[in-house]
Amino acid sequence: MPLNPFARSLANLESVIGPFYLAITVARLVTLELEDRRRGASSGGGATRA
């Protein structure tokens, strides 16, 4: 635990922002994948994935 109040504040901020960043990144990737699958199904293309 940092002793300096400013360093402690930054550590606390990082501990809050880190999980949000991860959740937002995963949600964005899932959204892009679902959008890509929807386009592939609606266009009738033969884009299949293994």
N, C-alpha and C. Protein backbone atom coordinates (compact mmCIF):
# COMPACT_ATOMS: atom_id res chain seq x y z
N MET A 1 0.85 -1.18 0.00
CA MET A 1 0.00 0.00 0.00
C MET A 1 0.90 1.24 0.00
N PRO A 2 0.70 2.14 -0.95
CA PRO A 2 1.51 3.35 -1.01
C PRO A 2 1.27 4.24 0.23
N LEU A 3 2.34 4.88 0.66
CA LEU A 3 2.24 5.76 1.82
C LEU A 3 1.84 7.19 1.44
N ASN A 4 2.29 7.61 0.27
CA ASN A 4 1.98 8.95 -0.20
C ASN A 4 0.48 9.02 -0.57
N PRO A 5 -0.24 10.03 -0.09
CA PRO A 5 -1.69 10.12 -0.39
C PRO A 5 -2.00 10.17 -1.89
N PHE A 6 -1.16 10.86 -2.65
CA PHE A 6 -1.41 10.94 -4.10
C PHE A 6 -1.22 9.57 -4.74
N ALA A 7 -0.16 8.86 -4.36
CA ALA A 7 0.08 7.52 -4.90
C ALA A 7 -1.03 6.56 -4.47
N ARG A 8 -1.51 6.72 -3.26
CA ARG A 8 -2.61 5.88 -2.77
C ARG A 8 -3.88 6.13 -3.59
N SER A 9 -4.13 7.40 -3.91
CA SER A 9 -5.30 7.73 -4.72
C SER A 9 -5.20 7.11 -6.11
N LEU A 10 -4.00 7.19 -6.70
CA LEU A 10 -3.82 6.59 -8.02
C LEU A 10 -3.99 5.07 -7.97
N ALA A 11 -3.49 4.43 -6.92
CA ALA A 11 -3.65 2.98 -6.78
C ALA A 11 -5.13 2.61 -6.64
N ASN A 12 -5.87 3.40 -5.87
CA ASN A 12 -7.30 3.14 -5.73
C ASN A 12 -8.03 3.35 -7.05
N LEU A 13 -7.67 4.40 -7.76
CA LEU A 13 -8.29 4.67 -9.05
C LEU A 13 -8.02 3.52 -10.03
N GLU A 14 -6.80 3.04 -10.04
CA GLU A 14 -6.43 1.93 -10.92
C GLU A 14 -7.21 0.66 -10.57
N SER A 15 -7.42 0.43 -9.29
CA SER A 15 -8.14 -0.77 -8.87
C SER A 15 -9.62 -0.71 -9.26
N VAL A 16 -10.15 0.49 -9.43
CA VAL A 16 -11.54 0.64 -9.86
C VAL A 16 -11.65 0.61 -11.38
N ILE A 17 -10.76 1.30 -12.06
CA ILE A 17 -10.83 1.42 -13.51
C ILE A 17 -10.43 0.12 -14.21
N GLY A 18 -9.51 -0.63 -13.65
CA GLY A 18 -9.03 -1.86 -14.28
C GLY A 18 -10.14 -2.84 -14.64
N PRO A 19 -10.97 -3.24 -13.69
CA PRO A 19 -12.06 -4.16 -14.03
C PRO A 19 -13.07 -3.58 -15.03
N PHE A 20 -13.33 -2.28 -14.94
CA PHE A 20 -14.23 -1.66 -15.91
C PHE A 20 -13.64 -1.72 -17.32
N TYR A 21 -12.34 -1.47 -17.44
CA TYR A 21 -11.68 -1.55 -18.74
C TYR A 21 -11.81 -2.95 -19.31
N LEU A 22 -11.55 -3.95 -18.48
CA LEU A 22 -11.65 -5.34 -18.94
C LEU A 22 -13.08 -5.67 -19.36
N ALA A 23 -14.05 -5.28 -18.57
CA ALA A 23 -15.46 -5.57 -18.89
C ALA A 23 -15.88 -4.88 -20.18
N ILE A 24 -15.48 -3.63 -20.36
CA ILE A 24 -15.85 -2.89 -21.57
C ILE A 24 -15.18 -3.51 -22.80
N THR A 25 -13.93 -3.92 -22.67
CA THR A 25 -13.22 -4.53 -23.79
C THR A 25 -13.87 -5.85 -24.19
N VAL A 26 -14.19 -6.69 -23.23
CA VAL A 26 -14.84 -7.97 -23.53
C VAL A 26 -16.23 -7.74 -24.14
N ALA A 27 -16.99 -6.79 -23.60
CA ALA A 27 -18.31 -6.50 -24.14
C ALA A 27 -18.21 -6.01 -25.59
N ARG A 28 -17.22 -5.21 -25.87
CA ARG A 28 -17.03 -4.70 -27.24
C ARG A 28 -16.70 -5.85 -28.19
N LEU A 29 -15.81 -6.75 -27.78
CA LEU A 29 -15.46 -7.89 -28.62
C LEU A 29 -16.66 -8.79 -28.87
N VAL A 30 -17.46 -9.03 -27.85
CA VAL A 30 -18.66 -9.86 -28.01
C VAL A 30 -19.64 -9.18 -28.96
N THR A 31 -19.83 -7.88 -28.83
CA THR A 31 -20.72 -7.14 -29.71
C THR A 31 -20.26 -7.22 -31.15
N LEU A 32 -18.96 -7.05 -31.38
CA LEU A 32 -18.43 -7.13 -32.74
C LEU A 32 -18.63 -8.53 -33.32
N GLU A 33 -18.43 -9.54 -32.52
CA GLU A 33 -18.60 -10.92 -32.99
C GLU A 33 -20.07 -11.19 -33.34
N LEU A 34 -20.97 -10.79 -32.47
CA LEU A 34 -22.40 -11.00 -32.75
C LEU A 34 -22.85 -10.24 -34.00
N GLU A 35 -22.35 -9.03 -34.16
CA GLU A 35 -22.68 -8.23 -35.33
C GLU A 35 -22.16 -8.89 -36.60
N ASP A 36 -20.95 -9.43 -36.53
CA ASP A 36 -20.36 -10.11 -37.67
C ASP A 36 -21.16 -11.35 -38.03
N ARG A 37 -21.59 -12.11 -37.03
CA ARG A 37 -22.39 -13.32 -37.30
C ARG A 37 -23.75 -12.95 -37.89
N ARG A 38 -24.35 -11.88 -37.40
CA ARG A 38 -25.65 -11.46 -37.91
C ARG A 38 -25.54 -11.05 -39.37
N ARG A 39 -24.49 -10.31 -39.71
CA ARG A 39 -24.28 -9.91 -41.10
C ARG A 39 -24.06 -11.12 -41.99
N GLY A 40 -23.31 -12.08 -41.51
CA GLY A 40 -23.03 -13.28 -42.29
C GLY A 40 -24.29 -14.08 -42.55
N ALA A 41 -25.18 -14.15 -41.58
CA ALA A 41 -26.41 -14.91 -41.74
C ALA A 41 -27.39 -14.18 -42.66
N SER A 42 -27.44 -12.86 -42.57
CA SER A 42 -28.42 -12.11 -43.36
C SER A 42 -27.97 -11.94 -44.81
N SER A 43 -26.68 -11.97 -45.08
CA SER A 43 -26.20 -11.77 -46.44
C SER A 43 -26.24 -13.06 -47.27
N GLY A 44 -26.44 -14.19 -46.59
CA GLY A 44 -26.51 -15.46 -47.32
C GLY A 44 -25.16 -15.95 -47.79
N GLY A 45 -24.11 -15.31 -47.32
CA GLY A 45 -22.77 -15.70 -47.70
C GLY A 45 -22.37 -17.02 -47.06
N GLY A 46 -21.39 -17.66 -47.62
CA GLY A 46 -20.96 -18.95 -47.11
C GLY A 46 -19.86 -18.82 -46.08
N ALA A 47 -19.89 -17.76 -45.31
CA ALA A 47 -18.85 -17.55 -44.32
C ALA A 47 -19.13 -18.43 -43.10
N THR A 48 -18.40 -19.51 -43.02
CA THR A 48 -18.54 -20.40 -41.86
C THR A 48 -17.26 -20.36 -41.06
N ARG A 49 -17.41 -20.56 -39.79
CA ARG A 49 -16.25 -20.55 -38.90
C ARG A 49 -16.16 -21.88 -38.19
N ALA A 50 -14.93 -22.26 -37.92
CA ALA A 50 -14.70 -23.52 -37.20
C ALA A 50 -14.75 -23.30 -35.71
